[in-house]
């Protein structure tokens, strides 16, 4: 009886330390990597938006301001042509 109990405990310990514990560590590392990836993606989206805003502002400044002319008009041409 003692031999069978000891055998089960040793087998359970081996399974735990060789299979369960490494899998838990792997999944924790994977979750941390996913969280870091999402944070980087969010930062990229924010910086991309900032760059697009800067480009928009530069184009508006080149045209002469927000109220100067209608969008889509070629400079130098009148409305009736």
N, C-alpha and C. Protein backbone atom coordinates (compact mmCIF):
# COMPACT_ATOMS: atom_id res chain seq x y z
N UNK A 1 0.83 -1.19 0.00
CA UNK A 1 0.00 0.00 0.00
C UNK A 1 0.88 1.26 0.00
N UNK A 2 1.86 1.28 0.83
CA UNK A 2 2.76 2.43 0.89
C UNK A 2 3.52 2.59 -0.42
N UNK A 3 3.90 1.51 -1.02
CA UNK A 3 4.62 1.55 -2.28
C UNK A 3 3.75 2.14 -3.39
N UNK A 4 2.50 1.77 -3.45
CA UNK A 4 1.58 2.29 -4.47
C UNK A 4 1.34 3.79 -4.27
N UNK A 5 1.15 4.20 -3.02
CA UNK A 5 0.93 5.61 -2.72
C UNK A 5 2.16 6.43 -3.09
N UNK A 6 3.32 5.95 -2.73
CA UNK A 6 4.57 6.64 -3.05
C UNK A 6 4.77 6.73 -4.56
N UNK A 7 4.44 5.67 -5.26
CA UNK A 7 4.55 5.66 -6.72
C UNK A 7 3.62 6.71 -7.35
N UNK A 8 2.41 6.83 -6.87
CA UNK A 8 1.46 7.82 -7.39
C UNK A 8 1.95 9.24 -7.11
N UNK A 9 2.45 9.49 -5.91
CA UNK A 9 2.95 10.82 -5.55
C UNK A 9 4.15 11.19 -6.41
N UNK A 10 5.06 10.27 -6.62
CA UNK A 10 6.24 10.55 -7.45
C UNK A 10 5.83 10.80 -8.89
N UNK A 11 4.91 10.01 -9.41
CA UNK A 11 4.42 10.20 -10.78
C UNK A 11 3.73 11.56 -10.93
N UNK A 12 2.92 11.92 -9.95
CA UNK A 12 2.25 13.21 -9.99
C UNK A 12 3.26 14.36 -9.96
N UNK A 13 4.29 14.24 -9.15
CA UNK A 13 5.32 15.28 -9.07
C UNK A 13 6.07 15.40 -10.39
N UNK A 14 6.39 14.27 -11.00
CA UNK A 14 7.10 14.30 -12.28
C UNK A 14 6.22 14.95 -13.36
N UNK A 15 4.97 14.56 -13.41
CA UNK A 15 4.06 15.16 -14.40
C UNK A 15 3.92 16.66 -14.15
N UNK A 16 3.79 17.07 -12.91
CA UNK A 16 3.65 18.49 -12.60
C UNK A 16 4.88 19.29 -13.02
N UNK A 17 6.07 18.81 -12.63
CA UNK A 17 7.29 19.57 -12.89
C UNK A 17 7.75 19.50 -14.34
N UNK A 18 7.40 18.44 -15.05
CA UNK A 18 7.86 18.30 -16.43
C UNK A 18 6.82 18.76 -17.46
N UNK A 19 5.55 18.84 -17.07
CA UNK A 19 4.53 19.21 -18.06
C UNK A 19 3.71 20.44 -17.64
N UNK A 20 3.19 20.44 -16.45
CA UNK A 20 2.27 21.50 -16.04
C UNK A 20 3.02 22.81 -15.79
N UNK A 21 4.06 22.80 -15.01
CA UNK A 21 4.79 24.01 -14.68
C UNK A 21 5.38 24.70 -15.91
N UNK A 22 6.05 23.97 -16.83
CA UNK A 22 6.56 24.65 -18.03
C UNK A 22 5.43 25.25 -18.90
N UNK A 23 4.30 24.56 -18.96
CA UNK A 23 3.19 25.08 -19.76
C UNK A 23 2.63 26.36 -19.14
N UNK A 24 2.55 26.43 -17.84
CA UNK A 24 2.07 27.63 -17.16
C UNK A 24 3.03 28.80 -17.43
N UNK A 25 4.32 28.53 -17.35
CA UNK A 25 5.31 29.59 -17.62
C UNK A 25 5.24 30.03 -19.07
N UNK A 26 5.07 29.10 -19.99
CA UNK A 26 4.97 29.42 -21.41
C UNK A 26 3.74 30.29 -21.68
N UNK A 27 2.61 29.92 -21.13
CA UNK A 27 1.38 30.68 -21.35
C UNK A 27 1.46 32.07 -20.72
N UNK A 28 2.11 32.19 -19.58
CA UNK A 28 2.27 33.50 -18.95
C UNK A 28 3.17 34.40 -19.80
N UNK A 29 4.25 33.84 -20.32
CA UNK A 29 5.13 34.60 -21.20
C UNK A 29 4.43 35.02 -22.48
N UNK A 30 3.62 34.12 -23.02
CA UNK A 30 2.88 34.42 -24.24
C UNK A 30 1.85 35.53 -24.00
N UNK A 31 1.19 35.50 -22.85
CA UNK A 31 0.22 36.54 -22.52
C UNK A 31 0.92 37.90 -22.36
N UNK A 32 2.09 37.90 -21.73
CA UNK A 32 2.84 39.14 -21.56
C UNK A 32 3.29 39.68 -22.91
N UNK A 33 3.71 38.79 -23.80
CA UNK A 33 4.14 39.21 -25.12
C UNK A 33 2.96 39.79 -25.91
N UNK A 34 1.81 39.19 -25.79
CA UNK A 34 0.61 39.68 -26.47
C UNK A 34 0.22 41.07 -25.94
N UNK A 35 0.32 41.25 -24.63
CA UNK A 35 0.00 42.55 -24.04
C UNK A 35 0.98 43.61 -24.51
N UNK A 36 2.26 43.27 -24.59
CA UNK A 36 3.26 44.22 -25.08
C UNK A 36 3.02 44.54 -26.55
N UNK A 37 2.63 43.55 -27.32
CA UNK A 37 2.35 43.76 -28.74
C UNK A 37 1.17 44.70 -28.94
N UNK A 38 0.13 44.54 -28.12
CA UNK A 38 -1.03 45.43 -28.21
C UNK A 38 -0.66 46.85 -27.83
N UNK A 39 0.20 46.99 -26.83
CA UNK A 39 0.64 48.33 -26.41
C UNK A 39 1.42 49.00 -27.53
N UNK A 40 2.31 48.26 -28.18
CA UNK A 40 3.09 48.80 -29.29
C UNK A 40 2.17 49.16 -30.44
N UNK A 41 1.19 48.31 -30.75
CA UNK A 41 0.25 48.59 -31.84
C UNK A 41 -0.54 49.86 -31.55
N UNK A 42 -0.96 50.03 -30.31
CA UNK A 42 -1.71 51.23 -29.93
C UNK A 42 -0.83 52.47 -30.08
N UNK A 43 0.43 52.38 -29.70
CA UNK A 43 1.36 53.49 -29.84
C UNK A 43 1.57 53.82 -31.31
N UNK A 44 1.69 52.80 -32.15
CA UNK A 44 1.86 53.03 -33.58
C UNK A 44 0.64 53.72 -34.17
N UNK A 45 -0.55 53.31 -33.75
CA UNK A 45 -1.77 53.93 -34.26
C UNK A 45 -1.83 55.40 -33.85
N UNK A 46 -1.45 55.70 -32.62
CA UNK A 46 -1.47 57.08 -32.15
C UNK A 46 -0.44 57.90 -32.91
N UNK A 47 0.77 57.39 -33.09
CA UNK A 47 1.79 58.15 -33.79
C UNK A 47 1.43 58.30 -35.26
N UNK A 48 0.78 57.30 -35.85
CA UNK A 48 0.34 57.40 -37.24
C UNK A 48 -0.70 58.50 -37.39
N UNK A 49 -1.60 58.59 -36.43
CA UNK A 49 -2.61 59.64 -36.45
C UNK A 49 -1.97 61.02 -36.32
N UNK A 50 -0.97 61.14 -35.48
CA UNK A 50 -0.28 62.41 -35.32
C UNK A 50 0.42 62.82 -36.61
N UNK A 51 1.04 61.87 -37.30
CA UNK A 51 1.72 62.16 -38.56
C UNK A 51 0.71 62.61 -39.61
N UNK A 52 -0.43 61.92 -39.66
CA UNK A 52 -1.46 62.32 -40.63
C UNK A 52 -1.99 63.72 -40.34
N UNK A 53 -2.13 64.06 -39.07
CA UNK A 53 -2.58 65.41 -38.71
C UNK A 53 -1.55 66.45 -39.14
N UNK A 54 -0.26 66.15 -38.96
CA UNK A 54 0.79 67.07 -39.38
C UNK A 54 0.79 67.27 -40.89
N UNK A 55 0.57 66.18 -41.62
CA UNK A 55 0.51 66.28 -43.08
C UNK A 55 -0.68 67.14 -43.49
N UNK A 56 -1.83 66.92 -42.85
CA UNK A 56 -3.02 67.71 -43.15
C UNK A 56 -2.76 69.19 -42.89
N UNK A 57 -2.16 69.49 -41.75
CA UNK A 57 -1.88 70.88 -41.40
C UNK A 57 -0.91 71.52 -42.38
N UNK A 58 0.08 70.76 -42.83
CA UNK A 58 1.05 71.28 -43.79
C UNK A 58 0.37 71.57 -45.13
N UNK A 59 -0.53 70.69 -45.55
CA UNK A 59 -1.25 70.92 -46.81
C UNK A 59 -2.18 72.13 -46.70
N UNK A 60 -2.83 72.29 -45.57
CA UNK A 60 -3.70 73.45 -45.37
C UNK A 60 -2.87 74.72 -45.38
N UNK A 61 -1.69 74.69 -44.76
CA UNK A 61 -0.83 75.86 -44.73
C UNK A 61 -0.33 76.20 -46.14
N UNK A 62 -0.07 75.20 -46.98
CA UNK A 62 0.37 75.45 -48.35
C UNK A 62 -0.72 76.11 -49.17
N UNK A 63 -1.95 75.74 -48.92
CA UNK A 63 -3.07 76.31 -49.67
C UNK A 63 -3.39 77.73 -49.23
N UNK A 64 -2.92 78.12 -48.09
CA UNK A 64 -3.14 79.48 -47.66
C UNK A 64 -4.15 79.60 -46.54
N UNK A 65 -4.43 78.54 -45.85
CA UNK A 65 -5.34 78.61 -44.72
C UNK A 65 -6.62 77.83 -44.98
N UNK A 66 -7.40 77.64 -43.93
CA UNK A 66 -8.59 76.81 -44.05
C UNK A 66 -9.71 77.46 -44.83
N UNK A 67 -9.79 78.77 -44.91
CA UNK A 67 -10.91 79.42 -45.56
C UNK A 67 -10.60 79.93 -46.96
N UNK A 68 -9.50 79.57 -47.53
CA UNK A 68 -9.06 80.11 -48.81
C UNK A 68 -9.43 79.15 -49.94
N UNK A 69 -10.52 79.42 -50.64
CA UNK A 69 -10.89 78.62 -51.80
C UNK A 69 -11.59 77.34 -51.42
N UNK A 70 -12.25 76.75 -52.40
CA UNK A 70 -12.96 75.49 -52.17
C UNK A 70 -12.03 74.32 -52.44
N UNK A 71 -12.31 73.24 -51.83
CA UNK A 71 -11.49 72.06 -52.03
C UNK A 71 -11.70 71.53 -53.44
N UNK A 72 -10.65 71.06 -54.06
CA UNK A 72 -10.76 70.47 -55.37
C UNK A 72 -10.57 71.47 -56.51
N UNK A 73 -10.48 72.74 -56.23
CA UNK A 73 -10.28 73.74 -57.27
C UNK A 73 -8.80 73.86 -57.58
N UNK A 74 -8.51 74.06 -58.85
CA UNK A 74 -7.14 74.27 -59.26
C UNK A 74 -6.84 75.75 -59.13
N UNK A 75 -5.76 76.14 -58.46
CA UNK A 75 -5.44 77.56 -58.31
C UNK A 75 -5.21 78.23 -59.66
N UNK A 76 -5.73 79.41 -59.82
CA UNK A 76 -5.53 80.14 -61.06
C UNK A 76 -6.69 80.02 -62.03
N UNK A 77 -7.63 79.18 -61.77
CA UNK A 77 -8.79 79.01 -62.64
C UNK A 77 -10.01 79.62 -61.95
N UNK A 78 -10.86 80.18 -62.72
CA UNK A 78 -12.07 80.78 -62.18
C UNK A 78 -13.16 79.73 -62.00
N UNK A 79 -14.30 80.18 -61.45
CA UNK A 79 -15.40 79.27 -61.21
C UNK A 79 -16.16 78.94 -62.50
N UNK A 80 -16.12 79.84 -63.49
CA UNK A 80 -16.92 79.65 -64.69
C UNK A 80 -16.19 78.85 -65.77
N UNK A 81 -14.95 78.50 -65.60
CA UNK A 81 -14.23 77.77 -66.63
C UNK A 81 -14.26 76.29 -66.41
